[in-house]
Amino acid sequence: MKKKKKSKYKHVTINKKRYFFYKISWVDITADGGHATADEFDKFECSKMVTFAYVYKRTKKFIWTFASYDQKDEVYSDRNIFPTGVITGMERLNVESR
């Protein structure tokens, strides 16, 4: 009998499907309702965000993630959906990553 190769990447298996853990870097809208000089406005940038989560599914336009799940039932929590256009990087994390 052939032994299954263990994945070096962090993952969970839910209902016989494997979900891998990622570090997702993305940009978000930054808003300010106050007054600003032209110099201050020129320095205004989007927020550079980082999310650690399991990737539930992905398409060309969107990526669905979750960070929490029920160990008994197929139930997901801490869910997000990202437009792929805001994502600047994705790194699948290995077991040793922190």
C-alpha atoms as a PDB file:
ATOM      1  CA  MET A   1       0.000   0.000   0.000  1.00  0.00           C
ATOM      2  CA  LYS A   2       1.389   3.385  -1.021  1.00  0.00           C
ATOM      3  CA  LYS A   3       1.841   5.924   1.771  1.00  0.00           C
ATOM      4  CA  LYS A   4       0.331   9.396   1.217  1.00  0.00           C
ATOM      5  CA  LYS A   5       2.882  12.202   0.934  1.00  0.00           C
ATOM      6  CA  LYS A   6       2.428  14.748   3.713  1.00  0.00           C
ATOM      7  CA  SER A   7       2.046  18.345   2.517  1.00  0.00           C
ATOM      8  CA  LYS A   8       4.657  20.816   3.736  1.00  0.00           C
ATOM      9  CA  TYR A   9       2.010  23.560   3.610  1.00  0.00           C
ATOM     10  CA  LYS A  10      -0.328  24.438   6.451  1.00  0.00           C
ATOM     11  CA  HIS A  11      -3.866  23.306   5.681  1.00  0.00           C
ATOM     12  CA  VAL A  12      -7.094  21.923   7.107  1.00  0.00           C
ATOM     13  CA  THR A  13      -9.334  19.238   5.646  1.00  0.00           C
ATOM     14  CA  ILE A  14     -13.074  19.850   5.897  1.00  0.00           C
ATOM     15  CA  ASN A  15     -15.570  17.425   4.384  1.00  0.00           C
ATOM     16  CA  LYS A  16     -12.759  15.714   2.424  1.00  0.00           C
ATOM     17  CA  LYS A  17     -11.566  19.017   0.878  1.00  0.00           C
ATOM     18  CA  ARG A  18      -8.164  20.519   1.687  1.00  0.00           C
ATOM     19  CA  TYR A  19      -7.869  24.283   2.326  1.00  0.00           C
ATOM     20  CA  PHE A  20      -4.431  25.918   2.383  1.00  0.00           C
ATOM     21  CA  PHE A  21      -3.352  28.778   4.659  1.00  0.00           C
ATOM     22  CA  TYR A  22      -2.082  31.998   3.053  1.00  0.00           C
ATOM     23  CA  LYS A  23      -0.604  35.356   3.857  1.00  0.00           C
ATOM     24  CA  ILE A  24      -2.550  37.738   1.612  1.00  0.00           C
ATOM     25  CA  SER A  25      -1.243  41.264   1.002  1.00  0.00           C
ATOM     26  CA  TRP A  26      -3.754  43.759  -0.356  1.00  0.00           C
ATOM     27  CA  VAL A  27      -4.577  47.466  -0.640  1.00  0.00           C
ATOM     28  CA  ASP A  28      -7.663  49.072   0.882  1.00  0.00           C
ATOM     29  CA  ILE A  29      -9.410  52.397   0.465  1.00  0.00           C
ATOM     30  CA  THR A  30      -8.227  55.104   2.839  1.00  0.00           C
ATOM     31  CA  ALA A  31     -10.652  57.931   3.575  1.00  0.00           C
ATOM     32  CA  ASP A  32     -10.413  61.292   5.305  1.00  0.00           C
ATOM     33  CA  GLY A  33     -13.290  63.732   5.756  1.00  0.00           C
ATOM     34  CA  GLY A  34     -11.071  66.566   6.992  1.00  0.00           C
ATOM     35  CA  HIS A  35      -9.311  69.493   5.324  1.00  0.00           C
ATOM     36  CA  ALA A  36      -5.865  68.975   3.784  1.00  0.00           C
ATOM     37  CA  THR A  37      -3.259  71.028   1.986  1.00  0.00           C
ATOM     38  CA  ALA A  38      -2.101  70.018  -1.488  1.00  0.00           C
ATOM     39  CA  ASP A  39       1.131  68.664   0.038  1.00  0.00           C
ATOM     40  CA  GLU A  40      -0.818  66.537   2.542  1.00  0.00           C
ATOM     41  CA  PHE A  41      -3.173  65.340  -0.202  1.00  0.00           C
ATOM     42  CA  ASP A  42      -0.235  64.333  -2.435  1.00  0.00           C
ATOM     43  CA  LYS A  43       1.065  62.097   0.399  1.00  0.00           C
ATOM     44  CA  PHE A  44      -2.339  60.422   0.883  1.00  0.00           C
ATOM     45  CA  GLU A  45      -2.076  56.675   0.102  1.00  0.00           C
ATOM     46  CA  CYS A  46      -4.129  53.509   0.253  1.00  0.00           C
ATOM     47  CA  SER A  47      -3.725  51.311   3.321  1.00  0.00           C
ATOM     48  CA  LYS A  48      -1.425  48.325   2.809  1.00  0.00           C
ATOM     49  CA  MET A  49      -3.163  45.417   4.565  1.00  0.00           C
ATOM     50  CA  VAL A  50      -2.191  41.821   5.436  1.00  0.00           C
ATOM     51  CA  THR A  51      -4.648  38.981   6.086  1.00  0.00           C
ATOM     52  CA  PHE A  52      -3.821  35.439   7.238  1.00  0.00           C
ATOM     53  CA  ALA A  53      -6.551  32.991   6.208  1.00  0.00           C
ATOM     54  CA  TYR A  54      -7.497  29.756   4.498  1.00  0.00           C
ATOM     55  CA  VAL A  55      -8.514  30.137   0.848  1.00  0.00           C
ATOM     56  CA  TYR A  56     -11.997  28.686   0.389  1.00  0.00           C
ATOM     57  CA  LYS A  57     -12.210  29.232  -3.379  1.00  0.00           C
ATOM     58  CA  ARG A  58     -11.013  31.561  -6.111  1.00  0.00           C
ATOM     59  CA  THR A  59     -12.049  32.776  -9.529  1.00  0.00           C
ATOM     60  CA  LYS A  60     -10.464  35.265 -11.920  1.00  0.00           C
ATOM     61  CA  LYS A  61     -12.418  38.085 -10.215  1.00  0.00           C
ATOM     62  CA  PHE A  62     -12.631  37.078  -6.524  1.00  0.00           C
ATOM     63  CA  ILE A  63     -10.954  35.140  -3.700  1.00  0.00           C
ATOM     64  CA  TRP A  64     -13.036  33.824  -0.773  1.00  0.00           C
ATOM     65  CA  THR A  65     -11.312  33.232   2.588  1.00  0.00           C
ATOM     66  CA  PHE A  66     -12.090  32.044   6.114  1.00  0.00           C
ATOM     67  CA  ALA A  67     -10.070  32.090   9.315  1.00  0.00           C
ATOM     68  CA  SER A  68     -12.247  29.980  11.658  1.00  0.00           C
ATOM     69  CA  TYR A  69     -14.196  26.767  11.181  1.00  0.00           C
ATOM     70  CA  ASP A  70     -16.205  24.192  13.138  1.00  0.00           C
ATOM     71  CA  GLN A  71     -14.394  20.887  13.658  1.00  0.00           C
ATOM     72  CA  LYS A  72     -17.623  18.839  13.600  1.00  0.00           C
ATOM     73  CA  ASP A  73     -19.725  20.485  10.881  1.00  0.00           C
ATOM     74  CA  GLU A  74     -18.968  22.208   7.590  1.00  0.00           C
ATOM     75  CA  VAL A  75     -19.317  25.730   9.039  1.00  0.00           C
ATOM     76  CA  TYR A  76     -17.010  28.676   8.289  1.00  0.00           C
ATOM     77  CA  SER A  77     -16.479  31.963  10.175  1.00  0.00           C
ATOM     78  CA  ASP A  78     -14.372  35.118   9.878  1.00  0.00           C
ATOM     79  CA  ARG A  79     -15.089  35.174   6.148  1.00  0.00           C
ATOM     80  CA  ASN A  80     -13.950  37.673   3.520  1.00  0.00           C
ATOM     81  CA  ILE A  81     -14.246  38.040  -0.226  1.00  0.00           C
ATOM     82  CA  PHE A  82     -11.527  40.011  -2.011  1.00  0.00           C
ATOM     83  CA  PRO A  83     -11.663  41.413  -5.544  1.00  0.00           C
ATOM     84  CA  THR A  84      -8.480  40.054  -7.146  1.00  0.00           C
ATOM     85  CA  GLY A  85      -7.562  43.568  -8.292  1.00  0.00           C
ATOM     86  CA  VAL A  86      -6.773  44.684  -4.717  1.00  0.00           C
ATOM     87  CA  ILE A  87      -4.436  41.765  -3.981  1.00  0.00           C
ATOM     88  CA  THR A  88      -0.732  42.595  -4.282  1.00  0.00           C
ATOM     89  CA  GLY A  89       0.619  39.215  -3.165  1.00  0.00           C
ATOM     90  CA  MET A  90      -0.285  35.761  -1.878  1.00  0.00           C
ATOM     91  CA  GLU A  91       2.078  33.412  -0.095  1.00  0.00           C
ATOM     92  CA  ARG A  92       1.064  29.858   0.786  1.00  0.00           C
ATOM     93  CA  LEU A  93       2.503  29.273   4.245  1.00  0.00           C
ATOM     94  CA  ASN A  94       4.374  26.133   5.166  1.00  0.00           C
ATOM     95  CA  VAL A  95       4.045  24.324   8.467  1.00  0.00           C
ATOM     96  CA  GLU A  96       7.075  26.101   9.962  1.00  0.00           C
ATOM     97  CA  SER A  97       5.845  29.634   9.013  1.00  0.00           C
ATOM     98  CA  ARG A  98       4.642  31.963  11.734  1.00  0.00           C
END
